Amino acid sequence: MKDVGLQTDAELRFNRKDLIEAIKCAAELAQGYDERSPKRRKLSQYLDEQHDVLREMRHRGLDTTKLPETRSNPGVRTWGRAITKDNLLNAFEGNPYDVTTAEAHQLVKLYKDKSVKVDAFMEEANAVLLGAGVTAIFGKYVNSYYQDCVALYVNTGDTYEPTILYDTVAGEFGITTMGDFVEVMSDEYEIS
């Protein structure tokens, strides 16, 4: 059985929005979407992750019929993948921002170091990815610090080029594309 990184029963959480998105995506696919499409890959990845969580819950003897409102497993999100060495190497392999193993290790080390501020991590990510700076995505009001900045991402030059993004609302980092994030979160975060 695959270890999904869950430590306590309290960490076994689902996000109902994730589940609804997966159901909508499955319905669209049933109507004839190409199996090689990005939506298909996204759905497969999401369902694989959720299957691992359910299997872990059953293994622990927990009730899998109740889906709590919140989640705390950062590896399961609708808009991207967690910051891990493998995810970094896979996402940036073969493009102009090819990340070496040493660079991926350095980014993961910074990511796990809770004393490193968001801005410092994003600047380091920008340097590793040879980005054009850290750019903001604006939407609804977040707080007095971020104002209406719902996300920060390394500008890699293209809307659908992989990047590292920080969701200021959820307080989560991830690997995604700016375009995918905006598509998934535009309604919830009021991105225009």
Foldseek 3Di string as FASTA:
>chain_A
DDDLPDDDPVQLADAVLLVVLLVVLVVVVVVPDDCPDPSNVLSVVQVVSVVVSLVVCVVVVHDPVDHDNDHDRQQHDSAAGALALVRLQVQQPPDQLRADSVLSVVLVVLVPPPVRDPVNSQVSQLVSSVAPDKDFFFADQADPVCGRGQKIWGHRPDQFRWTWMAGSNVRGIHIHGNNSCCVSCCVVRVGD
